[in-house]
N, C-alpha and C. Protein backbone atom coordinates (compact mmCIF):
# COMPACT_ATOMS: atom_id res chain seq x y z
N MET A 1 11.50 -2.85 0.96
CA MET A 1 11.26 -2.20 2.24
C MET A 1 10.32 -3.02 3.10
N ASN A 2 10.26 -4.31 2.96
CA ASN A 2 9.43 -5.20 3.76
C ASN A 2 7.94 -5.03 3.53
N MET A 3 7.54 -4.25 2.54
CA MET A 3 6.12 -4.05 2.26
C MET A 3 5.47 -5.36 1.83
N GLY A 4 6.17 -6.13 1.04
CA GLY A 4 5.61 -7.36 0.50
C GLY A 4 5.64 -8.53 1.45
N PHE A 5 6.39 -8.41 2.55
CA PHE A 5 6.51 -9.53 3.47
C PHE A 5 5.61 -9.41 4.68
N GLY A 6 4.94 -8.28 4.84
CA GLY A 6 3.98 -8.12 5.93
C GLY A 6 4.59 -7.83 7.29
N HIS A 7 5.80 -7.37 7.34
CA HIS A 7 6.44 -7.04 8.61
C HIS A 7 6.00 -5.64 9.05
N LEU A 8 4.82 -5.59 9.66
CA LEU A 8 4.18 -4.32 10.01
C LEU A 8 5.05 -3.47 10.93
N GLU A 9 5.60 -4.07 11.95
CA GLU A 9 6.41 -3.29 12.91
C GLU A 9 7.69 -2.76 12.27
N ILE A 10 8.28 -3.53 11.39
CA ILE A 10 9.48 -3.07 10.70
C ILE A 10 9.14 -1.91 9.78
N VAL A 11 8.02 -2.02 9.07
CA VAL A 11 7.58 -0.94 8.17
C VAL A 11 7.32 0.32 8.97
N LYS A 12 6.61 0.20 10.10
CA LYS A 12 6.35 1.37 10.95
C LYS A 12 7.66 2.01 11.41
N SER A 13 8.59 1.18 11.84
CA SER A 13 9.88 1.69 12.32
C SER A 13 10.64 2.42 11.22
N LEU A 14 10.68 1.82 10.03
CA LEU A 14 11.39 2.45 8.91
C LEU A 14 10.75 3.78 8.52
N LEU A 15 9.42 3.82 8.49
CA LEU A 15 8.74 5.06 8.13
C LEU A 15 8.90 6.14 9.19
N ASN A 16 9.01 5.72 10.46
CA ASN A 16 9.26 6.70 11.52
C ASN A 16 10.66 7.29 11.40
N LYS A 17 11.63 6.45 11.01
CA LYS A 17 13.01 6.93 10.87
C LYS A 17 13.19 7.78 9.63
N ASP A 18 12.51 7.39 8.53
CA ASP A 18 12.66 8.12 7.27
C ASP A 18 11.32 8.17 6.54
N PRO A 19 10.49 9.17 6.84
CA PRO A 19 9.17 9.28 6.23
C PRO A 19 9.20 9.42 4.70
N SER A 20 10.33 9.83 4.15
CA SER A 20 10.41 10.00 2.69
C SER A 20 10.37 8.67 1.96
N LEU A 21 10.57 7.56 2.66
CA LEU A 21 10.52 6.25 2.02
C LEU A 21 9.16 5.97 1.40
N ILE A 22 8.14 6.57 1.95
CA ILE A 22 6.79 6.33 1.46
C ILE A 22 6.60 6.86 0.04
N HIS A 23 7.46 7.77 -0.39
CA HIS A 23 7.34 8.37 -1.71
C HIS A 23 8.27 7.74 -2.74
N GLN A 24 9.06 6.76 -2.33
CA GLN A 24 9.97 6.11 -3.27
C GLN A 24 9.23 5.04 -4.07
N THR A 25 9.73 4.78 -5.26
CA THR A 25 9.14 3.74 -6.10
C THR A 25 10.24 2.80 -6.58
N THR A 26 9.81 1.63 -7.07
CA THR A 26 10.78 0.70 -7.62
C THR A 26 11.30 1.26 -8.95
N VAL A 27 12.47 0.84 -9.34
CA VAL A 27 13.14 1.43 -10.50
C VAL A 27 12.41 1.14 -11.80
N TYR A 28 12.10 -0.10 -12.06
CA TYR A 28 11.56 -0.45 -13.37
C TYR A 28 10.05 -0.21 -13.47
N ASP A 29 9.28 -0.80 -12.56
CA ASP A 29 7.82 -0.72 -12.67
C ASP A 29 7.21 0.49 -11.97
N ARG A 30 8.03 1.25 -11.25
CA ARG A 30 7.57 2.42 -10.50
C ARG A 30 6.43 2.06 -9.53
N HIS A 31 6.57 0.90 -8.89
CA HIS A 31 5.61 0.51 -7.86
C HIS A 31 5.88 1.32 -6.60
N SER A 32 4.82 1.88 -6.04
CA SER A 32 4.93 2.58 -4.76
C SER A 32 4.87 1.53 -3.65
N PRO A 33 5.17 1.91 -2.42
CA PRO A 33 5.00 0.96 -1.31
C PRO A 33 3.57 0.41 -1.24
N LEU A 34 2.61 1.25 -1.60
CA LEU A 34 1.21 0.82 -1.62
C LEU A 34 0.98 -0.27 -2.67
N HIS A 35 1.57 -0.11 -3.85
CA HIS A 35 1.47 -1.13 -4.90
C HIS A 35 2.08 -2.45 -4.43
N ILE A 36 3.24 -2.37 -3.80
CA ILE A 36 3.95 -3.58 -3.38
C ILE A 36 3.16 -4.33 -2.32
N ALA A 37 2.66 -3.60 -1.33
CA ALA A 37 1.88 -4.24 -0.28
C ALA A 37 0.61 -4.86 -0.85
N ALA A 38 -0.07 -4.14 -1.74
CA ALA A 38 -1.30 -4.65 -2.34
C ALA A 38 -1.05 -5.88 -3.21
N ALA A 39 0.03 -5.87 -3.96
CA ALA A 39 0.35 -6.99 -4.84
C ALA A 39 0.65 -8.26 -4.06
N ASN A 40 1.05 -8.09 -2.80
CA ASN A 40 1.39 -9.24 -1.97
C ASN A 40 0.32 -9.55 -0.93
N GLY A 41 -0.82 -8.90 -1.03
CA GLY A 41 -1.93 -9.20 -0.13
C GLY A 41 -1.73 -8.77 1.31
N GLN A 42 -0.90 -7.76 1.54
CA GLN A 42 -0.60 -7.30 2.90
C GLN A 42 -1.56 -6.18 3.31
N ILE A 43 -2.77 -6.57 3.69
CA ILE A 43 -3.82 -5.60 3.96
C ILE A 43 -3.49 -4.69 5.14
N LYS A 44 -2.81 -5.21 6.15
CA LYS A 44 -2.47 -4.37 7.31
C LYS A 44 -1.53 -3.25 6.91
N ILE A 45 -0.60 -3.55 6.02
CA ILE A 45 0.34 -2.52 5.57
C ILE A 45 -0.38 -1.55 4.63
N VAL A 46 -1.26 -2.04 3.78
CA VAL A 46 -2.04 -1.15 2.92
C VAL A 46 -2.83 -0.18 3.79
N CYS A 47 -3.49 -0.68 4.81
CA CYS A 47 -4.28 0.18 5.70
C CYS A 47 -3.40 1.17 6.44
N LEU A 48 -2.23 0.73 6.88
CA LEU A 48 -1.29 1.63 7.56
C LEU A 48 -0.90 2.77 6.63
N LEU A 49 -0.58 2.46 5.40
CA LEU A 49 -0.16 3.48 4.45
C LEU A 49 -1.30 4.44 4.11
N LEU A 50 -2.49 3.90 3.96
CA LEU A 50 -3.64 4.75 3.64
C LEU A 50 -4.05 5.62 4.83
N LYS A 51 -3.97 5.05 6.02
CA LYS A 51 -4.35 5.79 7.22
C LYS A 51 -3.39 6.94 7.48
N ASP A 52 -2.14 6.75 7.14
CA ASP A 52 -1.12 7.77 7.33
C ASP A 52 -1.47 9.07 6.61
N GLY A 53 -2.06 8.94 5.43
CA GLY A 53 -2.49 10.10 4.68
C GLY A 53 -1.43 10.76 3.82
N SER A 54 -0.18 10.37 3.98
CA SER A 54 0.88 11.01 3.19
C SER A 54 1.13 10.30 1.86
N VAL A 55 0.50 9.16 1.66
CA VAL A 55 0.65 8.44 0.41
C VAL A 55 -0.55 8.79 -0.49
N ASN A 56 -0.28 8.97 -1.76
CA ASN A 56 -1.33 9.27 -2.71
C ASN A 56 -1.98 7.96 -3.15
N PRO A 57 -3.24 7.70 -2.79
CA PRO A 57 -3.87 6.44 -3.17
C PRO A 57 -4.14 6.32 -4.66
N ASP A 58 -4.01 7.41 -5.38
CA ASP A 58 -4.26 7.39 -6.82
C ASP A 58 -2.99 7.37 -7.66
N CYS A 59 -1.84 7.14 -7.03
CA CYS A 59 -0.59 7.12 -7.80
C CYS A 59 -0.58 5.92 -8.74
N LEU A 60 0.02 6.11 -9.88
CA LEU A 60 0.05 5.08 -10.92
C LEU A 60 1.45 4.48 -11.05
N ASN A 61 1.49 3.21 -11.38
CA ASN A 61 2.77 2.58 -11.69
C ASN A 61 3.05 2.72 -13.19
N ARG A 62 4.06 2.05 -13.67
CA ARG A 62 4.46 2.15 -15.08
C ARG A 62 3.36 1.69 -16.03
N HIS A 63 2.51 0.82 -15.55
CA HIS A 63 1.42 0.28 -16.38
C HIS A 63 0.12 1.05 -16.19
N LYS A 64 0.22 2.22 -15.58
CA LYS A 64 -0.95 3.08 -15.33
C LYS A 64 -2.00 2.40 -14.45
N GLN A 65 -1.52 1.64 -13.45
CA GLN A 65 -2.41 0.95 -12.52
C GLN A 65 -2.32 1.61 -11.15
N VAL A 66 -3.46 1.73 -10.49
CA VAL A 66 -3.48 2.16 -9.09
C VAL A 66 -3.31 0.92 -8.22
N TRP A 67 -3.09 1.12 -6.92
CA TRP A 67 -2.78 0.00 -6.03
C TRP A 67 -3.87 -1.05 -6.01
N TYR A 68 -5.15 -0.64 -6.03
CA TYR A 68 -6.22 -1.64 -5.94
C TYR A 68 -6.35 -2.41 -7.25
N GLY A 69 -5.94 -1.83 -8.36
CA GLY A 69 -5.89 -2.56 -9.62
C GLY A 69 -4.85 -3.66 -9.56
N VAL A 70 -3.72 -3.36 -8.92
CA VAL A 70 -2.65 -4.35 -8.76
C VAL A 70 -3.13 -5.48 -7.85
N SER A 71 -3.84 -5.12 -6.76
CA SER A 71 -4.31 -6.17 -5.85
C SER A 71 -5.31 -7.09 -6.54
N CYS A 72 -6.18 -6.53 -7.38
CA CYS A 72 -7.15 -7.36 -8.12
C CYS A 72 -6.44 -8.22 -9.15
N PHE A 73 -5.43 -7.65 -9.80
CA PHE A 73 -4.65 -8.41 -10.79
C PHE A 73 -4.01 -9.63 -10.14
N HIS A 74 -3.59 -9.47 -8.89
CA HIS A 74 -2.95 -10.57 -8.16
C HIS A 74 -3.96 -11.37 -7.34
N LEU A 75 -5.25 -11.22 -7.68
CA LEU A 75 -6.33 -11.99 -7.09
C LEU A 75 -6.57 -11.70 -5.61
N TYR A 76 -6.27 -10.50 -5.17
CA TYR A 76 -6.57 -10.09 -3.80
C TYR A 76 -7.79 -9.16 -3.82
N VAL A 77 -8.85 -9.61 -4.47
CA VAL A 77 -10.05 -8.81 -4.61
C VAL A 77 -10.65 -8.52 -3.24
N GLY A 78 -10.57 -9.46 -2.32
CA GLY A 78 -11.10 -9.26 -0.97
C GLY A 78 -10.44 -8.10 -0.26
N MET A 79 -9.20 -7.79 -0.64
CA MET A 79 -8.49 -6.68 -0.02
C MET A 79 -9.23 -5.37 -0.27
N MET A 80 -9.76 -5.23 -1.45
CA MET A 80 -10.48 -4.02 -1.80
C MET A 80 -11.70 -3.85 -0.90
N ILE A 81 -12.42 -4.93 -0.67
CA ILE A 81 -13.61 -4.89 0.18
C ILE A 81 -13.22 -4.60 1.63
N ASP A 82 -12.22 -5.31 2.14
CA ASP A 82 -11.79 -5.11 3.52
C ASP A 82 -11.28 -3.69 3.76
N THR A 83 -10.53 -3.16 2.79
CA THR A 83 -9.97 -1.82 2.93
C THR A 83 -11.09 -0.79 2.96
N ARG A 84 -12.08 -0.95 2.10
CA ARG A 84 -13.21 -0.02 2.08
C ARG A 84 -13.98 -0.06 3.39
N LYS A 85 -14.14 -1.25 3.98
CA LYS A 85 -14.82 -1.37 5.26
C LYS A 85 -14.04 -0.63 6.35
N GLN A 86 -12.72 -0.79 6.35
CA GLN A 86 -11.90 -0.12 7.36
C GLN A 86 -11.92 1.39 7.17
N GLU A 87 -11.92 1.85 5.93
CA GLU A 87 -12.02 3.28 5.66
C GLU A 87 -13.34 3.83 6.18
N ALA A 88 -14.42 3.09 5.97
CA ALA A 88 -15.73 3.52 6.45
C ALA A 88 -15.75 3.60 7.98
N ASP A 89 -15.09 2.63 8.64
CA ASP A 89 -15.02 2.65 10.09
C ASP A 89 -14.23 3.86 10.59
N LEU A 90 -13.20 4.25 9.85
CA LEU A 90 -12.39 5.41 10.25
C LEU A 90 -13.19 6.71 10.14
N LEU A 91 -14.11 6.76 9.19
CA LEU A 91 -14.89 7.97 8.96
C LEU A 91 -16.04 8.15 9.94
N LYS A 92 -16.35 7.10 10.67
CA LYS A 92 -17.46 7.19 11.64
C LYS A 92 -17.13 8.07 12.80
């Protein structure tokens, strides 16, 4: 669903047309769109999904990993810091 490629406008368009896509997972690993975006370092898409509020940030994949665990596994540790900063800005 373009989560891993960083096509923000395409992702927004797809989610506007079919909001249920946000709840779909991959067949084998049960990666959510949040897992896929995080694994590929797509911070803008991660923030879009988290800001939307309809995605569960605590959902687990087949390996019992949350999205930020996947991002750290793929060496996107900075994503965790940037996302937390943006969340704090949203709460202000």
